[in-house]
């Protein structure tokens, strides 16, 4: 599955199938939360949260790909990511784009 954040794929013509998306809601782990809270005292990267968001992004992307494959898409163009707080200590990662089929 070809994914791109651009609207056009050089050398390819395609028909639009529709919007596809995938999401993942991730909550913080209390043990990691305490450790990361202490890290804010001295500053620096909050690696546990960085890893958590990377895993959420990967899962949301995979779910979007599965959605596109179910529609028999060859690629997803205009791929975008968004996050939002769902509740205290939990965030949603959404991956979305336009599924296309090559002609």
PDB file of N, CA and C in Angstrom:
ATOM      1  N   UNK A   1       0.859  -1.177   0.000  1.00  0.00           N
ATOM      2  CA  UNK A   1       0.000   0.000   0.000  1.00  0.00           C
ATOM      3  C   UNK A   1       0.897   1.229   0.000  1.00  0.00           C
ATOM      4  N   UNK A   2       0.698   2.082  -0.979  1.00  0.00           N
ATOM      5  CA  UNK A   2       1.450   3.331  -1.074  1.00  0.00           C
ATOM      6  C   UNK A   2       0.729   4.405  -0.266  1.00  0.00           C
ATOM      7  N   UNK A   3       1.479   5.054   0.621  1.00  0.00           N
ATOM      8  CA  UNK A   3       0.948   6.168   1.412  1.00  0.00           C
ATOM      9  C   UNK A   3       1.747   7.410   1.087  1.00  0.00           C
ATOM     10  N   UNK A   4       1.057   8.526   0.897  1.00  0.00           N
ATOM     11  CA  UNK A   4       1.749   9.782   0.649  1.00  0.00           C
ATOM     12  C   UNK A   4       0.964  10.931   1.250  1.00  0.00           C
ATOM     13  N   UNK A   5       1.697  11.960   1.678  1.00  0.00           N
ATOM     14  CA  UNK A   5       1.005  13.130   2.221  1.00  0.00           C
ATOM     15  C   UNK A   5       0.728  14.159   1.133  1.00  0.00           C
ATOM     16  N   UNK A   6       1.089  13.828  -0.114  1.00  0.00           N
ATOM     17  CA  UNK A   6       0.813  14.721  -1.236  1.00  0.00           C
ATOM     18  C   UNK A   6      -0.492  14.319  -1.920  1.00  0.00           C
ATOM     19  N   UNK A   7      -1.017  15.225  -2.727  1.00  0.00           N
ATOM     20  CA  UNK A   7      -2.256  14.938  -3.440  1.00  0.00           C
ATOM     21  C   UNK A   7      -2.006  14.120  -4.696  1.00  0.00           C
ATOM     22  N   UNK A   8      -0.861  14.335  -5.320  1.00  0.00           N
ATOM     23  CA  UNK A   8      -0.552  13.656  -6.582  1.00  0.00           C
ATOM     24  C   UNK A   8       0.570  12.651  -6.407  1.00  0.00           C
ATOM     25  N   UNK A   9       0.490  11.572  -7.188  1.00  0.00           N
ATOM     26  CA  UNK A   9       1.555  10.575  -7.236  1.00  0.00           C
ATOM     27  C   UNK A   9       2.162  10.687  -8.627  1.00  0.00           C
ATOM     28  N   UNK A  10       3.404  11.142  -8.732  1.00  0.00           N
ATOM     29  CA  UNK A  10       4.023  11.327 -10.045  1.00  0.00           C
ATOM     30  C   UNK A  10       3.939  10.060 -10.908  1.00  0.00           C
ATOM     31  N   UNK A  11       3.469  10.242 -12.145  1.00  0.00           N
ATOM     32  CA  UNK A  11       3.388   9.137 -13.090  1.00  0.00           C
ATOM     33  C   UNK A  11       2.197   8.222 -12.910  1.00  0.00           C
ATOM     34  N   UNK A  12       1.321   8.523 -12.000  1.00  0.00           N
ATOM     35  CA  UNK A  12       0.153   7.669 -11.738  1.00  0.00           C
ATOM     36  C   UNK A  12      -1.138   8.449 -11.930  1.00  0.00           C
ATOM     37  N   UNK A  13      -2.094   7.789 -12.531  1.00  0.00           N
ATOM     38  CA  UNK A  13      -3.445   8.332 -12.618  1.00  0.00           C
ATOM     39  C   UNK A  13      -4.324   7.429 -11.768  1.00  0.00           C
ATOM     40  N   UNK A  14      -5.281   8.026 -11.108  1.00  0.00           N
ATOM     41  CA  UNK A  14      -6.100   7.228 -10.212  1.00  0.00           C
ATOM     42  C   UNK A  14      -7.492   7.805 -10.097  1.00  0.00           C
ATOM     43  N   UNK A  15      -8.384   6.935  -9.614  1.00  0.00           N
ATOM     44  CA  UNK A  15      -9.744   7.360  -9.295  1.00  0.00           C
ATOM     45  C   UNK A  15      -9.886   7.363  -7.784  1.00  0.00           C
ATOM     46  N   UNK A  16     -10.651   8.301  -7.292  1.00  0.00           N
ATOM     47  CA  UNK A  16     -10.857   8.425  -5.849  1.00  0.00           C
ATOM     48  C   UNK A  16     -11.921   7.440  -5.400  1.00  0.00           C
ATOM     49  N   UNK A  17     -11.613   6.707  -4.352  1.00  0.00           N
ATOM     50  CA  UNK A  17     -12.573   5.769  -3.766  1.00  0.00           C
ATOM     51  C   UNK A  17     -13.311   6.442  -2.614  1.00  0.00           C
ATOM     52  N   UNK A  18     -12.571   7.102  -1.738  1.00  0.00           N
ATOM     53  CA  UNK A  18     -13.203   7.781  -0.616  1.00  0.00           C
ATOM     54  C   UNK A  18     -12.251   7.971   0.550  1.00  0.00           C
ATOM     55  N   UNK A  19     -12.747   8.590   1.579  1.00  0.00           N
ATOM     56  CA  UNK A  19     -11.952   8.866   2.773  1.00  0.00           C
ATOM     57  C   UNK A  19     -11.815   7.587   3.593  1.00  0.00           C
ATOM     58  N   UNK A  20     -10.590   7.348   4.083  1.00  0.00           N
ATOM     59  CA  UNK A  20     -10.329   6.220   4.976  1.00  0.00           C
ATOM     60  C   UNK A  20      -9.655   6.757   6.233  1.00  0.00           C
ATOM     61  N   UNK A  21      -9.836   6.037   7.320  1.00  0.00           N
ATOM     62  CA  UNK A  21      -9.220   6.497   8.566  1.00  0.00           C
ATOM     63  C   UNK A  21      -8.948   5.318   9.479  1.00  0.00           C
ATOM     64  N   UNK A  22      -8.128   5.584  10.459  1.00  0.00           N
ATOM     65  CA  UNK A  22      -7.838   4.633  11.521  1.00  0.00           C
ATOM     66  C   UNK A  22      -7.562   5.434  12.773  1.00  0.00           C
ATOM     67  N   UNK A  23      -7.880   4.877  13.920  1.00  0.00           N
ATOM     68  CA  UNK A  23      -7.613   5.617  15.148  1.00  0.00           C
ATOM     69  C   UNK A  23      -7.153   4.688  16.258  1.00  0.00           C
ATOM     70  N   UNK A  24      -6.613   5.293  17.280  1.00  0.00           N
ATOM     71  CA  UNK A  24      -6.119   4.563  18.451  1.00  0.00           C
ATOM     72  C   UNK A  24      -6.260   5.496  19.640  1.00  0.00           C
ATOM     73  N   UNK A  25      -6.890   5.022  20.690  1.00  0.00           N
ATOM     74  CA  UNK A  25      -6.971   5.801  21.924  1.00  0.00           C
ATOM     75  C   UNK A  25      -6.043   5.140  22.935  1.00  0.00           C
ATOM     76  N   UNK A  26      -5.119   5.918  23.431  1.00  0.00           N
ATOM     77  CA  UNK A  26      -4.069   5.409  24.317  1.00  0.00           C
ATOM     78  C   UNK A  26      -4.172   6.124  25.655  1.00  0.00           C
ATOM     79  N   UNK A  27      -4.065   5.362  26.727  1.00  0.00           N
ATOM     80  CA  UNK A  27      -4.051   5.982  28.056  1.00  0.00           C
ATOM     81  C   UNK A  27      -2.649   5.887  28.638  1.00  0.00           C
ATOM     82  N   UNK A  28      -2.362   6.808  29.533  1.00  0.00           N
ATOM     83  CA  UNK A  28      -1.059   6.817  30.201  1.00  0.00           C
ATOM     84  C   UNK A  28      -1.026   5.730  31.265  1.00  0.00           C
ATOM     85  N   UNK A  29       0.132   5.194  31.479  1.00  0.00           N
ATOM     86  CA  UNK A  29       0.380   4.183  32.502  1.00  0.00           C
ATOM     87  C   UNK A  29       0.805   4.921  33.766  1.00  0.00           C
ATOM     88  N   UNK A  30       0.197   4.620  34.897  1.00  0.00           N
ATOM     89  CA  UNK A  30       0.452   5.374  36.127  1.00  0.00           C
ATOM     90  C   UNK A  30       1.931   5.349  36.515  1.00  0.00           C
ATOM     91  N   UNK A  31       2.589   4.205  36.324  1.00  0.00           N
ATOM     92  CA  UNK A  31       4.016   4.125  36.648  1.00  0.00           C
ATOM     93  C   UNK A  31       4.844   5.039  35.758  1.00  0.00           C
ATOM     94  N   UNK A  32       4.553   5.016  34.462  1.00  0.00           N
ATOM     95  CA  UNK A  32       5.265   5.895  33.529  1.00  0.00           C
ATOM     96  C   UNK A  32       4.927   7.352  33.806  1.00  0.00           C
ATOM     97  N   UNK A  33       3.676   7.605  34.187  1.00  0.00           N
ATOM     98  CA  UNK A  33       3.228   8.969  34.452  1.00  0.00           C
ATOM     99  C   UNK A  33       4.020   9.589  35.597  1.00  0.00           C
ATOM    100  N   UNK A  34       4.265   8.811  36.637  1.00  0.00           N
ATOM    101  CA  UNK A  34       5.044   9.311  37.781  1.00  0.00           C
ATOM    102  C   UNK A  34       6.472   9.609  37.341  1.00  0.00           C
ATOM    103  N   UNK A  35       7.066   8.667  36.614  1.00  0.00           N
ATOM    104  CA  UNK A  35       8.442   8.859  36.141  1.00  0.00           C
ATOM    105  C   UNK A  35       8.580  10.048  35.211  1.00  0.00           C
ATOM    106  N   UNK A  36       7.621  10.202  34.317  1.00  0.00           N
ATOM    107  CA  UNK A  36       7.675  11.311  33.374  1.00  0.00           C
ATOM    108  C   UNK A  36       7.411  12.640  34.074  1.00  0.00           C
ATOM    109  N   UNK A  37       6.566  12.602  35.115  1.00  0.00           N
ATOM    110  CA  UNK A  37       6.322  13.810  35.900  1.00  0.00           C
ATOM    111  C   UNK A  37       7.585  14.292  36.581  1.00  0.00           C
ATOM    112  N   UNK A  38       8.369  13.357  37.107  1.00  0.00           N
ATOM    113  CA  UNK A  38       9.646  13.727  37.728  1.00  0.00           C
ATOM    114  C   UNK A  38      10.620  14.283  36.695  1.00  0.00           C
ATOM    115  N   UNK A  39      10.553  13.761  35.478  1.00  0.00           N
ATOM    116  CA  UNK A  39      11.444  14.213  34.403  1.00  0.00           C
ATOM    117  C   UNK A  39      11.186  15.687  34.066  1.00  0.00           C
ATOM    118  N   UNK A  40       9.964  16.149  34.254  1.00  0.00           N
ATOM    119  CA  UNK A  40       9.658  17.551  33.934  1.00  0.00           C
ATOM    120  C   UNK A  40      10.379  18.522  34.855  1.00  0.00           C
ATOM    121  N   UNK A  41      10.837  18.036  36.000  1.00  0.00           N
ATOM    122  CA  UNK A  41      11.568  18.901  36.934  1.00  0.00           C
ATOM    123  C   UNK A  41      12.912  19.322  36.343  1.00  0.00           C
ATOM    124  N   UNK A  42      13.590  18.356  35.694  1.00  0.00           N
ATOM    125  CA  UNK A  42      14.918  18.646  35.144  1.00  0.00           C
ATOM    126  C   UNK A  42      14.878  18.968  33.658  1.00  0.00           C
ATOM    127  N   UNK A  43      13.763  18.715  33.008  1.00  0.00           N
ATOM    128  CA  UNK A  43      13.627  19.011  31.584  1.00  0.00           C
ATOM    129  C   UNK A  43      14.130  17.871  30.720  1.00  0.00           C
ATOM    130  N   UNK A  44      13.878  17.992  29.441  1.00  0.00           N
ATOM    131  CA  UNK A  44      14.311  16.981  28.488  1.00  0.00           C
ATOM    132  C   UNK A  44      13.132  16.234  27.889  1.00  0.00           C
ATOM    133  N   UNK A  45      13.471  15.339  26.981  1.00  0.00           N
ATOM    134  CA  UNK A  45      12.444  14.565  26.283  1.00  0.00           C
ATOM    135  C   UNK A  45      11.755  13.587  27.228  1.00  0.00           C
ATOM    136  N   UNK A  46      10.466  13.477  27.093  1.00  0.00           N
ATOM    137  CA  UNK A  46       9.688  12.502  27.849  1.00  0.00           C
ATOM    138  C   UNK A  46       9.582  11.247  26.973  1.00  0.00           C
ATOM    139  N   UNK A  47      10.611  10.422  27.037  1.00  0.00           N
ATOM    140  CA  UNK A  47      10.762   9.300  26.106  1.00  0.00           C
ATOM    141  C   UNK A  47       9.627   8.294  26.180  1.00  0.00           C
ATOM    142  N   UNK A  48       9.095   8.039  27.359  1.00  0.00           N
ATOM    143  CA  UNK A  48       7.986   7.090  27.475  1.00  0.00           C
ATOM    144  C   UNK A  48       6.765   7.602  26.716  1.00  0.00           C
ATOM    145  N   UNK A  49       6.512   8.910  26.786  1.00  0.00           N
ATOM    146  CA  UNK A  49       5.382   9.487  26.054  1.00  0.00           C
ATOM    147  C   UNK A  49       5.662   9.534  24.559  1.00  0.00           C
ATOM    148  N   UNK A  50       6.904   9.810  24.189  1.00  0.00           N
ATOM    149  CA  UNK A  50       7.275   9.798  22.774  1.00  0.00           C
ATOM    150  C   UNK A  50       7.031   8.413  22.197  1.00  0.00           C
ATOM    151  N   UNK A  51       7.454   7.388  22.898  1.00  0.00           N
ATOM    152  CA  UNK A  51       7.255   6.011  22.449  1.00  0.00           C
ATOM    153  C   UNK A  51       5.769   5.670  22.382  1.00  0.00           C
ATOM    154  N   UNK A  52       5.004   6.103  23.385  1.00  0.00           N
ATOM    155  CA  UNK A  52       3.576   5.839  23.412  1.00  0.00           C
ATOM    156  C   UNK A  52       2.883   6.453  22.192  1.00  0.00           C
ATOM    157  N   UNK A  53       3.244   7.682  21.856  1.00  0.00           N
ATOM    158  CA  UNK A  53       2.624   8.339  20.705  1.00  0.00           C
ATOM    159  C   UNK A  53       3.062   7.695  19.392  1.00  0.00           C
ATOM    160  N   UNK A  54       4.316   7.251  19.306  1.00  0.00           N
ATOM    161  CA  UNK A  54       4.792   6.564  18.095  1.00  0.00           C
ATOM    162  C   UNK A  54       4.021   5.259  17.891  1.00  0.00           C
ATOM    163  N   UNK A  55       3.806   4.518  18.968  1.00  0.00           N
ATOM    164  CA  UNK A  55       3.037   3.274  18.879  1.00  0.00           C
ATOM    165  C   UNK A  55       1.591   3.563  18.470  1.00  0.00           C
ATOM    166  N   UNK A  56       1.011   4.609  19.014  1.00  0.00           N
ATOM    167  CA  UNK A  56      -0.363   4.987  18.658  1.00  0.00           C
ATOM    168  C   UNK A  56      -0.445   5.389  17.192  1.00  0.00           C
ATOM    169  N   UNK A  57       0.538   6.150  16.726  1.00  0.00           N
ATOM    170  CA  UNK A  57       0.573   6.570  15.324  1.00  0.00           C
ATOM    171  C   UNK A  57       0.690   5.356  14.399  1.00  0.00           C
ATOM    172  N   UNK A  58       1.554   4.405  14.755  1.00  0.00           N
ATOM    173  CA  UNK A  58       1.716   3.198  13.945  1.00  0.00           C
ATOM    174  C   UNK A  58       0.428   2.390  13.883  1.00  0.00           C
ATOM    175  N   UNK A  59      -0.248   2.243  15.011  1.00  0.00           N
ATOM    176  CA  UNK A  59      -1.489   1.475  15.055  1.00  0.00           C
ATOM    177  C   UNK A  59      -2.592   2.181  14.258  1.00  0.00           C
ATOM    178  N   UNK A  60      -2.710   3.494  14.400  1.00  0.00           N
ATOM    179  CA  UNK A  60      -3.717   4.243  13.642  1.00  0.00           C
ATOM    180  C   UNK A  60      -3.445   4.131  12.141  1.00  0.00           C
ATOM    181  N   UNK A  61      -2.173   4.200  11.758  1.00  0.00           N
ATOM    182  CA  UNK A  61      -1.807   4.068  10.347  1.00  0.00           C
ATOM    183  C   UNK A  61      -2.178   2.689   9.829  1.00  0.00           C
ATOM    184  N   UNK A  62      -1.853   1.659  10.586  1.00  0.00           N
ATOM    185  CA  UNK A  62      -2.177   0.288  10.164  1.00  0.00           C
ATOM    186  C   UNK A  62      -3.685   0.102  10.016  1.00  0.00           C
ATOM    187  N   UNK A  63      -4.450   0.669  10.912  1.00  0.00           N
ATOM    188  CA  UNK A  63      -5.912   0.557  10.818  1.00  0.00           C
ATOM    189  C   UNK A  63      -6.454   1.300   9.603  1.00  0.00           C
ATOM    190  N   UNK A  64      -5.840   2.437   9.255  1.00  0.00           N
ATOM    191  CA  UNK A  64      -6.238   3.148   8.049  1.00  0.00           C
ATOM    192  C   UNK A  64      -5.922   2.303   6.817  1.00  0.00           C
ATOM    193  N   UNK A  65      -4.744   1.680   6.799  1.00  0.00           N
ATOM    194  CA  UNK A  65      -4.360   0.820   5.673  1.00  0.00           C
ATOM    195  C   UNK A  65      -5.355  -0.331   5.524  1.00  0.00           C
ATOM    196  N   UNK A  66      -5.730  -0.950   6.622  1.00  0.00           N
ATOM    197  CA  UNK A  66      -6.704  -2.045   6.573  1.00  0.00           C
ATOM    198  C   UNK A  66      -8.032  -1.563   6.014  1.00  0.00           C
ATOM    199  N   UNK A  67      -8.435  -0.355   6.390  1.00  0.00           N
ATOM    200  CA  UNK A  67      -9.663   0.240   5.871  1.00  0.00           C
ATOM    201  C   UNK A  67      -9.560   0.439   4.361  1.00  0.00           C
ATOM    202  N   UNK A  68      -8.399   0.922   3.899  1.00  0.00           N
ATOM    203  CA  UNK A  68      -8.184   1.142   2.463  1.00  0.00           C
ATOM    204  C   UNK A  68      -8.134  -0.181   1.703  1.00  0.00           C
ATOM    205  N   UNK A  69      -7.479  -1.184   2.266  1.00  0.00           N
ATOM    206  CA  UNK A  69      -7.400  -2.496   1.616  1.00  0.00           C
ATOM    207  C   UNK A  69      -8.782  -3.120   1.463  1.00  0.00           C
ATOM    208  N   UNK A  70      -9.655  -2.916   2.446  1.00  0.00           N
ATOM    209  CA  UNK A  70     -11.018  -3.440   2.369  1.00  0.00           C
ATOM    210  C   UNK A  70     -11.782  -2.819   1.199  1.00  0.00           C
ATOM    211  N   UNK A  71     -11.384  -1.618   0.796  1.00  0.00           N
ATOM    212  CA  UNK A  71     -12.007  -0.934  -0.338  1.00  0.00           C
ATOM    213  C   UNK A  71     -11.271  -1.216  -1.644  1.00  0.00           C
ATOM    214  N   UNK A  72     -10.271  -2.105  -1.597  1.00  0.00           N
ATOM    215  CA  UNK A  72      -9.458  -2.472  -2.764  1.00  0.00           C
ATOM    216  C   UNK A  72      -8.656  -1.292  -3.305  1.00  0.00           C
ATOM    217  N   UNK A  73      -8.209  -0.430  -2.419  1.00  0.00           N
ATOM    218  CA  UNK A  73      -7.409   0.734  -2.812  1.00  0.00           C
ATOM    219  C   UNK A  73      -5.975   0.308  -3.108  1.00  0.00           C
ATOM    220  N   UNK A  74      -5.331   1.066  -3.980  1.00  0.00           N
ATOM    221  CA  UNK A  74      -3.918   0.853  -4.287  1.00  0.00           C
ATOM    222  C   UNK A  74      -3.025   1.789  -3.487  1.00  0.00           C
ATOM    223  N   UNK A  75      -3.587   2.915  -3.048  1.00  0.00           N
ATOM    224  CA  UNK A  75      -2.804   3.916  -2.338  1.00  0.00           C
ATOM    225  C   UNK A  75      -3.729   4.791  -1.508  1.00  0.00           C
ATOM    226  N   UNK A  76      -3.116   5.538  -0.597  1.00  0.00           N
ATOM    227  CA  UNK A  76      -3.839   6.561   0.163  1.00  0.00           C
ATOM    228  C   UNK A  76      -3.038   7.847   0.005  1.00  0.00           C
ATOM    229  N   UNK A  77      -3.701   8.873  -0.524  1.00  0.00           N
ATOM    230  CA  UNK A  77      -3.058  10.169  -0.718  1.00  0.00           C
ATOM    231  C   UNK A  77      -3.556  11.149   0.340  1.00  0.00           C
ATOM    232  N   UNK A  78      -2.830  12.241   0.488  1.00  0.00           N
ATOM    233  CA  UNK A  78      -3.184  13.284   1.455  1.00  0.00           C
ATOM    234  C   UNK A  78      -3.294  12.741   2.878  1.00  0.00           C
ATOM    235  N   UNK A  79      -2.371  11.876   3.259  1.00  0.00           N
ATOM    236  CA  UNK A  79      -2.393  11.281   4.603  1.00  0.00           C
ATOM    237  C   UNK A  79      -2.091  12.363   5.635  1.00  0.00           C
ATOM    238  N   UNK A  80      -2.900  12.384   6.666  1.00  0.00           N
ATOM    239  CA  UNK A  80      -2.753  13.354   7.748  1.00  0.00           C
ATOM    240  C   UNK A  80      -2.919  12.661   9.091  1.00  0.00           C
ATOM    241  N   UNK A  81      -2.388  13.293  10.124  1.00  0.00           N
ATOM    242  CA  UNK A  81      -2.529  12.808  11.499  1.00  0.00           C
ATOM    243  C   UNK A  81      -3.107  13.923  12.360  1.00  0.00           C
ATOM    244  N   UNK A  82      -3.882  13.521  13.357  1.00  0.00           N
ATOM    245  CA  UNK A  82      -4.417  14.482  14.318  1.00  0.00           C
ATOM    246  C   UNK A  82      -4.505  13.795  15.677  1.00  0.00           C
ATOM    247  N   UNK A  83      -4.384  14.591  16.720  1.00  0.00           N
ATOM    248  CA  UNK A  83      -4.531  14.067  18.072  1.00  0.00           C
ATOM    249  C   UNK A  83      -5.522  14.929  18.837  1.00  0.00           C
ATOM    250  N   UNK A  84      -6.119  14.318  19.825  1.00  0.00           N
ATOM    251  CA  UNK A  84      -7.005  15.084  20.702  1.00  0.00           C
ATOM    252  C   UNK A  84      -7.078  14.377  22.047  1.00  0.00           C
ATOM    253  N   UNK A  85      -7.306  15.140  23.076  1.00  0.00           N
ATOM    254  CA  UNK A  85      -7.504  14.572  24.405  1.00  0.00           C
ATOM    255  C   UNK A  85      -8.919  14.030  24.486  1.00  0.00           C
ATOM    256  N   UNK A  86      -9.050  12.807  24.920  1.00  0.00           N
ATOM    257  CA  UNK A  86     -10.362  12.186  25.051  1.00  0.00           C
ATOM    258  C   UNK A  86     -10.881  12.378  26.472  1.00  0.00           C
ATOM    259  N   UNK A  87      -9.969  12.238  27.419  1.00  0.00           N
ATOM    260  CA  UNK A  87     -10.259  12.440  28.838  1.00  0.00           C
ATOM    261  C   UNK A  87      -8.920  12.644  29.524  1.00  0.00           C
ATOM    262  N   UNK A  88      -8.937  12.969  30.781  1.00  0.00           N
ATOM    263  CA  UNK A  88      -7.677  13.135  31.494  1.00  0.00           C
ATOM    264  C   UNK A  88      -6.842  11.870  31.426  1.00  0.00           C
ATOM    265  N   UNK A  89      -5.656  11.962  30.888  1.00  0.00           N
ATOM    266  CA  UNK A  89      -4.764  10.810  30.814  1.00  0.00           C
ATOM    267  C   UNK A  89      -4.939   9.927  29.600  1.00  0.00           C
ATOM    268  N   UNK A  90      -5.804  10.306  28.655  1.00  0.00           N
ATOM    269  CA  UNK A  90      -6.002   9.504  27.447  1.00  0.00           C
ATOM    270  C   UNK A  90      -6.075  10.428  26.235  1.00  0.00           C
ATOM    271  N   UNK A  91      -5.424   9.984  25.161  1.00  0.00           N
ATOM    272  CA  UNK A  91      -5.407  10.767  23.928  1.00  0.00           C
ATOM    273  C   UNK A  91      -5.742   9.872  22.743  1.00  0.00           C
ATOM    274  N   UNK A  92      -6.370  10.466  21.738  1.00  0.00           N
ATOM    275  CA  UNK A  92      -6.692   9.757  20.510  1.00  0.00           C
ATOM    276  C   UNK A  92      -5.733  10.194  19.419  1.00  0.00           C
ATOM    277  N   UNK A  93      -5.237   9.232  18.654  1.00  0.00           N
ATOM    278  CA  UNK A  93      -4.438   9.494  17.464  1.00  0.00           C
ATOM    279  C   UNK A  93      -5.284   9.046  16.280  1.00  0.00           C
ATOM    280  N   UNK A  94      -5.472   9.929  15.317  1.00  0.00           N
ATOM    281  CA  UNK A  94      -6.251   9.618  14.133  1.00  0.00           C
ATOM    282  C   UNK A  94      -5.357   9.779  12.912  1.00  0.00           C
ATOM    283  N   UNK A  95      -5.435   8.812  12.012  1.00  0.00           N
ATOM    284  CA  UNK A  95      -4.732   8.875  10.735  1.00  0.00           C
ATOM    285  C   UNK A  95      -5.815   8.799   9.660  1.00  0.00           C
ATOM    286  N   UNK A  96      -5.777   9.721   8.691  1.00  0.00           N
ATOM    287  CA  UNK A  96      -6.805   9.711   7.660  1.00  0.00           C
ATOM    288  C   UNK A  96      -6.234  10.174   6.328  1.00  0.00           C
ATOM    289  N   UNK A  97      -6.928   9.827   5.266  1.00  0.00           N
ATOM    290  CA  UNK A  97      -6.503  10.201   3.931  1.00  0.00           C
ATOM    291  C   UNK A  97      -7.551   9.804   2.916  1.00  0.00           C
ATOM    292  N   UNK A  98      -7.198   9.941   1.642  1.00  0.00           N
ATOM    293  CA  UNK A  98      -8.105   9.608   0.549  1.00  0.00           C
ATOM    294  C   UNK A  98      -7.626   8.340  -0.139  1.00  0.00           C
ATOM    295  N   UNK A  99      -8.456   7.314  -0.118  1.00  0.00           N
ATOM    296  CA  UNK A  99      -8.121   6.048  -0.772  1.00  0.00           C
ATOM    297  C   UNK A  99      -8.318   6.214  -2.277  1.00  0.00           C
ATOM    298  N   UNK A 100      -7.367   5.684  -3.057  1.00  0.00           N
ATOM    299  CA  UNK A 100      -7.434   5.782  -4.504  1.00  0.00           C
ATOM    300  C   UNK A 100      -7.108   4.431  -5.138  1.00  0.00           C
ATOM    301  N   UNK A 101      -7.591   4.255  -6.386  1.00  0.00           N
ATOM    302  CA  UNK A 101      -7.307   3.054  -7.174  1.00  0.00           C
ATOM    303  C   UNK A 101      -6.680   3.494  -8.485  1.00  0.00           C
ATOM    304  N   UNK A 102      -5.567   2.879  -8.841  1.00  0.00           N
ATOM    305  CA  UNK A 102      -4.872   3.253 -10.077  1.00  0.00           C
ATOM    306  C   UNK A 102      -5.688   2.823 -11.293  1.00  0.00           C
ATOM    307  N   UNK A 103      -5.653   3.668 -12.322  1.00  0.00           N
ATOM    308  CA  UNK A 103      -6.360   3.355 -13.578  1.00  0.00           C
ATOM    309  C   UNK A 103      -5.368   3.087 -14.682  1.00  0.00           C
TER     310      UNK A 103
END
